[in-house]
Amino acid sequence: MKNPLKFIQEVKQETFRITWPTKKETMMGAVMVFVLSTVAAIFFLILDQILRFLLNIILTINF
C-alpha cells in the first residue's frame, strides 16, 4: 500500500502529461459523429421502409 500523499503527487504529475485535443480536433470529431449518425439513421430508415413494404406484400397475399 502506498502513502496517500505520494499517490496524490503522482496523480498530479500524471495530469501534467495529459495532451488534450485541440479545438480543431474536437470539432472534427464532433462533425464526424454527426455525419456518421446521420448516415446510420438514413440507412436504417431505408431498411425499415423496405422491410415494411415486403412484409405488407407477404401479409396481403391471399391463398
PDB file of N, CA and C in Angstrom:
ATOM      1  N   MET A   1       0.852  -1.176   0.000  1.00  0.00           N
ATOM      2  CA  MET A   1       0.000   0.000   0.000  1.00  0.00           C
ATOM      3  C   MET A   1       0.894   1.234   0.000  1.00  0.00           C
ATOM      4  N   LYS A   2       0.521   2.184  -0.884  1.00  0.00           N
ATOM      5  CA  LYS A   2       1.334   3.393  -0.995  1.00  0.00           C
ATOM      6  C   LYS A   2       0.864   4.470  -0.029  1.00  0.00           C
ATOM      7  N   ASN A   3       1.760   5.375   0.199  1.00  0.00           N
ATOM      8  CA  ASN A   3       1.463   6.535   1.016  1.00  0.00           C
ATOM      9  C   ASN A   3       0.461   7.425   0.246  1.00  0.00           C
ATOM     10  N   PRO A   4      -0.636   7.841   0.877  1.00  0.00           N
ATOM     11  CA  PRO A   4      -1.633   8.667   0.180  1.00  0.00           C
ATOM     12  C   PRO A   4      -1.063   9.975  -0.381  1.00  0.00           C
ATOM     13  N   LEU A   5      -0.133  10.586   0.320  1.00  0.00           N
ATOM     14  CA  LEU A   5       0.455  11.831  -0.175  1.00  0.00           C
ATOM     15  C   LEU A   5       1.279  11.582  -1.435  1.00  0.00           C
ATOM     16  N   LYS A   6       2.020  10.478  -1.434  1.00  0.00           N
ATOM     17  CA  LYS A   6       2.813  10.137  -2.616  1.00  0.00           C
ATOM     18  C   LYS A   6       1.896   9.840  -3.791  1.00  0.00           C
ATOM     19  N   PHE A   7       0.785   9.169  -3.523  1.00  0.00           N
ATOM     20  CA  PHE A   7      -0.184   8.865  -4.564  1.00  0.00           C
ATOM     21  C   PHE A   7      -0.729  10.146  -5.187  1.00  0.00           C
ATOM     22  N   ILE A   8      -1.079  11.117  -4.355  1.00  0.00           N
ATOM     23  CA  ILE A   8      -1.608  12.396  -4.851  1.00  0.00           C
ATOM     24  C   ILE A   8      -0.560  13.122  -5.680  1.00  0.00           C
ATOM     25  N   GLN A   9       0.687  13.068  -5.270  1.00  0.00           N
ATOM     26  CA  GLN A   9       1.761  13.706  -6.032  1.00  0.00           C
ATOM     27  C   GLN A   9       1.916  13.041  -7.405  1.00  0.00           C
ATOM     28  N   GLU A  10       1.820  11.725  -7.441  1.00  0.00           N
ATOM     29  CA  GLU A  10       1.936  11.007  -8.706  1.00  0.00           C
ATOM     30  C   GLU A  10       0.764  11.333  -9.633  1.00  0.00           C
ATOM     31  N   VAL A  11      -0.412  11.451  -9.057  1.00  0.00           N
ATOM     32  CA  VAL A  11      -1.582  11.819  -9.855  1.00  0.00           C
ATOM     33  C   VAL A  11      -1.391  13.217 -10.439  1.00  0.00           C
ATOM     34  N   LYS A  12      -0.885  14.127  -9.636  1.00  0.00           N
ATOM     35  CA  LYS A  12      -0.639  15.495 -10.095  1.00  0.00           C
ATOM     36  C   LYS A  12       0.377  15.503 -11.235  1.00  0.00           C
ATOM     37  N   GLN A  13       1.422  14.695 -11.117  1.00  0.00           N
ATOM     38  CA  GLN A  13       2.426  14.605 -12.175  1.00  0.00           C
ATOM     39  C   GLN A  13       1.809  14.049 -13.460  1.00  0.00           C
ATOM     40  N   GLU A  14       0.944  13.063 -13.323  1.00  0.00           N
ATOM     41  CA  GLU A  14       0.310  12.474 -14.498  1.00  0.00           C
ATOM     42  C   GLU A  14      -0.608  13.470 -15.194  1.00  0.00           C
ATOM     43  N   THR A  15      -1.263  14.337 -14.439  1.00  0.00           N
ATOM     44  CA  THR A  15      -2.164  15.305 -15.065  1.00  0.00           C
ATOM     45  C   THR A  15      -1.410  16.286 -15.952  1.00  0.00           C
ATOM     46  N   PHE A  16      -0.164  16.547 -15.645  1.00  0.00           N
ATOM     47  CA  PHE A  16       0.626  17.442 -16.487  1.00  0.00           C
ATOM     48  C   PHE A  16       1.035  16.763 -17.784  1.00  0.00           C
ATOM     49  N   ARG A  17       1.013  15.443 -17.839  1.00  0.00           N
ATOM     50  CA  ARG A  17       1.390  14.702 -19.043  1.00  0.00           C
ATOM     51  C   ARG A  17       0.237  14.546 -20.030  1.00  0.00           C
ATOM     52  N   ILE A  18      -0.960  14.891 -19.604  1.00  0.00           N
ATOM     53  CA  ILE A  18      -2.130  14.726 -20.469  1.00  0.00           C
ATOM     54  C   ILE A  18      -2.041  15.704 -21.632  1.00  0.00           C
ATOM     55  N   THR A  19      -2.278  15.197 -22.837  1.00  0.00           N
ATOM     56  CA  THR A  19      -2.337  16.073 -24.003  1.00  0.00           C
ATOM     57  C   THR A  19      -3.803  16.142 -24.440  1.00  0.00           C
ATOM     58  N   TRP A  20      -4.406  17.294 -24.264  1.00  0.00           N
ATOM     59  CA  TRP A  20      -5.801  17.488 -24.613  1.00  0.00           C
ATOM     60  C   TRP A  20      -5.917  17.752 -26.106  1.00  0.00           C
ATOM     61  N   PRO A  21      -7.014  17.334 -26.713  1.00  0.00           N
ATOM     62  CA  PRO A  21      -7.178  17.599 -28.148  1.00  0.00           C
ATOM     63  C   PRO A  21      -7.351  19.095 -28.406  1.00  0.00           C
ATOM     64  N   THR A  22      -6.920  19.491 -29.587  1.00  0.00           N
ATOM     65  CA  THR A  22      -7.069  20.897 -29.958  1.00  0.00           C
ATOM     66  C   THR A  22      -8.528  21.177 -30.318  1.00  0.00           C
ATOM     67  N   LYS A  23      -8.833  22.439 -30.469  1.00  0.00           N
ATOM     68  CA  LYS A  23     -10.197  22.833 -30.828  1.00  0.00           C
ATOM     69  C   LYS A  23     -10.564  22.248 -32.193  1.00  0.00           C
ATOM     70  N   LYS A  24      -9.604  22.248 -33.114  1.00  0.00           N
ATOM     71  CA  LYS A  24      -9.848  21.713 -34.453  1.00  0.00           C
ATOM     72  C   LYS A  24     -10.140  20.211 -34.388  1.00  0.00           C
ATOM     73  N   GLU A  25      -9.360  19.474 -33.596  1.00  0.00           N
ATOM     74  CA  GLU A  25      -9.578  18.032 -33.457  1.00  0.00           C
ATOM     75  C   GLU A  25     -10.938  17.734 -32.828  1.00  0.00           C
ATOM     76  N   THR A  26     -11.321  18.540 -31.840  1.00  0.00           N
ATOM     77  CA  THR A  26     -12.614  18.345 -31.181  1.00  0.00           C
ATOM     78  C   THR A  26     -13.758  18.604 -32.148  1.00  0.00           C
ATOM     79  N   MET A  27     -13.659  19.669 -32.923  1.00  0.00           N
ATOM     80  CA  MET A  27     -14.701  19.989 -33.894  1.00  0.00           C
ATOM     81  C   MET A  27     -14.780  18.917 -34.979  1.00  0.00           C
ATOM     82  N   MET A  28     -13.632  18.444 -35.438  1.00  0.00           N
ATOM     83  CA  MET A  28     -13.617  17.408 -36.468  1.00  0.00           C
ATOM     84  C   MET A  28     -14.249  16.124 -35.941  1.00  0.00           C
ATOM     85  N   GLY A  29     -13.964  15.766 -34.728  1.00  0.00           N
ATOM     86  CA  GLY A  29     -14.574  14.586 -34.120  1.00  0.00           C
ATOM     87  C   GLY A  29     -16.080  14.733 -33.983  1.00  0.00           C
ATOM     88  N   ALA A  30     -16.531  15.915 -33.580  1.00  0.00           N
ATOM     89  CA  ALA A  30     -17.968  16.162 -33.435  1.00  0.00           C
ATOM     90  C   ALA A  30     -18.672  16.093 -34.786  1.00  0.00           C
ATOM     91  N   VAL A  31     -18.053  16.656 -35.810  1.00  0.00           N
ATOM     92  CA  VAL A  31     -18.638  16.612 -37.155  1.00  0.00           C
ATOM     93  C   VAL A  31     -18.707  15.176 -37.651  1.00  0.00           C
ATOM     94  N   MET A  32     -17.656  14.409 -37.412  1.00  0.00           N
ATOM     95  CA  MET A  32     -17.646  13.005 -37.845  1.00  0.00           C
ATOM     96  C   MET A  32     -18.757  12.219 -37.153  1.00  0.00           C
ATOM     97  N   VAL A  33     -18.951  12.438 -35.870  1.00  0.00           N
ATOM     98  CA  VAL A  33     -20.020  11.748 -35.145  1.00  0.00           C
ATOM     99  C   VAL A  33     -21.377  12.134 -35.724  1.00  0.00           C
ATOM    100  N   PHE A  34     -21.583  13.407 -35.978  1.00  0.00           N
ATOM    101  CA  PHE A  34     -22.848  13.873 -36.537  1.00  0.00           C
ATOM    102  C   PHE A  34     -23.107  13.267 -37.906  1.00  0.00           C
ATOM    103  N   VAL A  35     -22.106  13.275 -38.771  1.00  0.00           N
ATOM    104  CA  VAL A  35     -22.264  12.738 -40.129  1.00  0.00           C
ATOM    105  C   VAL A  35     -22.535  11.237 -40.088  1.00  0.00           C
ATOM    106  N   LEU A  36     -21.760  10.495 -39.320  1.00  0.00           N
ATOM    107  CA  LEU A  36     -21.949   9.046 -39.258  1.00  0.00           C
ATOM    108  C   LEU A  36     -23.290   8.682 -38.621  1.00  0.00           C
ATOM    109  N   SER A  37     -23.733   9.464 -37.644  1.00  0.00           N
ATOM    110  CA  SER A  37     -25.050   9.224 -37.046  1.00  0.00           C
ATOM    111  C   SER A  37     -26.157   9.467 -38.068  1.00  0.00           C
ATOM    112  N   THR A  38     -26.004  10.508 -38.870  1.00  0.00           N
ATOM    113  CA  THR A  38     -26.987  10.809 -39.899  1.00  0.00           C
ATOM    114  C   THR A  38     -27.023   9.709 -40.957  1.00  0.00           C
ATOM    115  N   VAL A  39     -25.854   9.251 -41.387  1.00  0.00           N
ATOM    116  CA  VAL A  39     -25.787   8.168 -42.374  1.00  0.00           C
ATOM    117  C   VAL A  39     -26.429   6.903 -41.815  1.00  0.00           C
ATOM    118  N   ALA A  40     -26.148   6.579 -40.581  1.00  0.00           N
ATOM    119  CA  ALA A  40     -26.743   5.381 -39.965  1.00  0.00           C
ATOM    120  C   ALA A  40     -28.257   5.526 -39.857  1.00  0.00           C
ATOM    121  N   ALA A  41     -28.741   6.701 -39.496  1.00  0.00           N
ATOM    122  CA  ALA A  41     -30.187   6.923 -39.387  1.00  0.00           C
ATOM    123  C   ALA A  41     -30.868   6.770 -40.739  1.00  0.00           C
ATOM    124  N   ILE A  42     -30.265   7.317 -41.786  1.00  0.00           N
ATOM    125  CA  ILE A  42     -30.840   7.191 -43.128  1.00  0.00           C
ATOM    126  C   ILE A  42     -30.820   5.735 -43.578  1.00  0.00           C
ATOM    127  N   PHE A  43     -29.726   5.033 -43.319  1.00  0.00           N
ATOM    128  CA  PHE A  43     -29.635   3.622 -43.686  1.00  0.00           C
ATOM    129  C   PHE A  43     -30.742   2.815 -43.015  1.00  0.00           C
ATOM    130  N   PHE A  44     -30.927   2.992 -41.715  1.00  0.00           N
ATOM    131  CA  PHE A  44     -31.949   2.218 -41.005  1.00  0.00           C
ATOM    132  C   PHE A  44     -33.361   2.646 -41.407  1.00  0.00           C
ATOM    133  N   LEU A  45     -33.546   3.904 -41.770  1.00  0.00           N
ATOM    134  CA  LEU A  45     -34.844   4.348 -42.269  1.00  0.00           C
ATOM    135  C   LEU A  45     -35.181   3.638 -43.578  1.00  0.00           C
ATOM    136  N   ILE A  46     -34.230   3.610 -44.499  1.00  0.00           N
ATOM    137  CA  ILE A  46     -34.451   2.937 -45.787  1.00  0.00           C
ATOM    138  C   ILE A  46     -34.677   1.448 -45.570  1.00  0.00           C
ATOM    139  N   LEU A  47     -33.860   0.822 -44.740  1.00  0.00           N
ATOM    140  CA  LEU A  47     -34.020  -0.603 -44.460  1.00  0.00           C
ATOM    141  C   LEU A  47     -35.392  -0.890 -43.850  1.00  0.00           C
ATOM    142  N   ASP A  48     -35.832  -0.058 -42.942  1.00  0.00           N
ATOM    143  CA  ASP A  48     -37.135  -0.231 -42.308  1.00  0.00           C
ATOM    144  C   ASP A  48     -38.263  -0.111 -43.333  1.00  0.00           C
ATOM    145  N   GLN A  49     -38.143   0.839 -44.243  1.00  0.00           N
ATOM    146  CA  GLN A  49     -39.176   1.023 -45.257  1.00  0.00           C
ATOM    147  C   GLN A  49     -39.232  -0.169 -46.212  1.00  0.00           C
ATOM    148  N   ILE A  50     -38.085  -0.691 -46.585  1.00  0.00           N
ATOM    149  CA  ILE A  50     -38.045  -1.865 -47.475  1.00  0.00           C
ATOM    150  C   ILE A  50     -38.667  -3.072 -46.782  1.00  0.00           C
ATOM    151  N   LEU A  51     -38.292  -3.310 -45.546  1.00  0.00           N
ATOM    152  CA  LEU A  51     -38.843  -4.458 -44.824  1.00  0.00           C
ATOM    153  C   LEU A  51     -40.345  -4.302 -44.593  1.00  0.00           C
ATOM    154  N   ARG A  52     -40.793  -3.081 -44.319  1.00  0.00           N
ATOM    155  CA  ARG A  52     -42.226  -2.840 -44.154  1.00  0.00           C
ATOM    156  C   ARG A  52     -42.981  -3.126 -45.447  1.00  0.00           C
ATOM    157  N   PHE A  53     -42.425  -2.685 -46.565  1.00  0.00           N
ATOM    158  CA  PHE A  53     -43.041  -2.926 -47.865  1.00  0.00           C
ATOM    159  C   PHE A  53     -43.134  -4.418 -48.155  1.00  0.00           C
ATOM    160  N   LEU A  54     -42.046  -5.144 -47.919  1.00  0.00           N
ATOM    161  CA  LEU A  54     -42.039  -6.586 -48.168  1.00  0.00           C
ATOM    162  C   LEU A  54     -43.007  -7.315 -47.238  1.00  0.00           C
ATOM    163  N   LEU A  55     -43.065  -6.902 -45.992  1.00  0.00           N
ATOM    164  CA  LEU A  55     -43.982  -7.526 -45.050  1.00  0.00           C
ATOM    165  C   LEU A  55     -45.444  -7.286 -45.445  1.00  0.00           C
ATOM    166  N   ASN A  56     -45.740  -6.070 -45.919  1.00  0.00           N
ATOM    167  CA  ASN A  56     -47.094  -5.784 -46.378  1.00  0.00           C
ATOM    168  C   ASN A  56     -47.464  -6.659 -47.572  1.00  0.00           C
ATOM    169  N   ILE A  57     -46.527  -6.870 -48.483  1.00  0.00           N
ATOM    170  CA  ILE A  57     -46.792  -7.739 -49.633  1.00  0.00           C
ATOM    171  C   ILE A  57     -47.071  -9.167 -49.158  1.00  0.00           C
ATOM    172  N   ILE A  58     -46.242  -9.649 -48.247  1.00  0.00           N
ATOM    173  CA  ILE A  58     -46.422 -11.026 -47.747  1.00  0.00           C
ATOM    174  C   ILE A  58     -47.753 -11.180 -47.028  1.00  0.00           C
ATOM    175  N   LEU A  59     -48.124 -10.201 -46.230  1.00  0.00           N
ATOM    176  CA  LEU A  59     -49.349 -10.309 -45.435  1.00  0.00           C
ATOM    177  C   LEU A  59     -50.623 -10.115 -46.266  1.00  0.00           C
ATOM    178  N   THR A  60     -50.528  -9.480 -47.419  1.00  0.00           N
ATOM    179  CA  THR A  60     -51.715  -9.259 -48.229  1.00  0.00           C
ATOM    180  C   THR A  60     -51.924 -10.337 -49.295  1.00  0.00           C
ATOM    181  N   ILE A  61     -51.030 -11.308 -49.355  1.00  0.00           N
ATOM    182  CA  ILE A  61     -51.207 -12.408 -50.313  1.00  0.00           C
ATOM    183  C   ILE A  61     -52.367 -13.279 -49.847  1.00  0.00           C
ATOM    184  N   ASN A  62     -53.321 -13.500 -50.747  1.00  0.00           N
ATOM    185  CA  ASN A  62     -54.465 -14.357 -50.450  1.00  0.00           C
ATOM    186  C   ASN A  62     -54.248 -15.733 -51.066  1.00  0.00           C
ATOM    187  N   PHE A  63     -54.322 -16.733 -50.257  1.00  0.00           N
ATOM    188  CA  PHE A  63     -54.152 -18.097 -50.763  1.00  0.00           C
ATOM    189  C   PHE A  63     -55.486 -18.685 -51.090  1.00  0.00           C
TER     190      PHE A  63
END
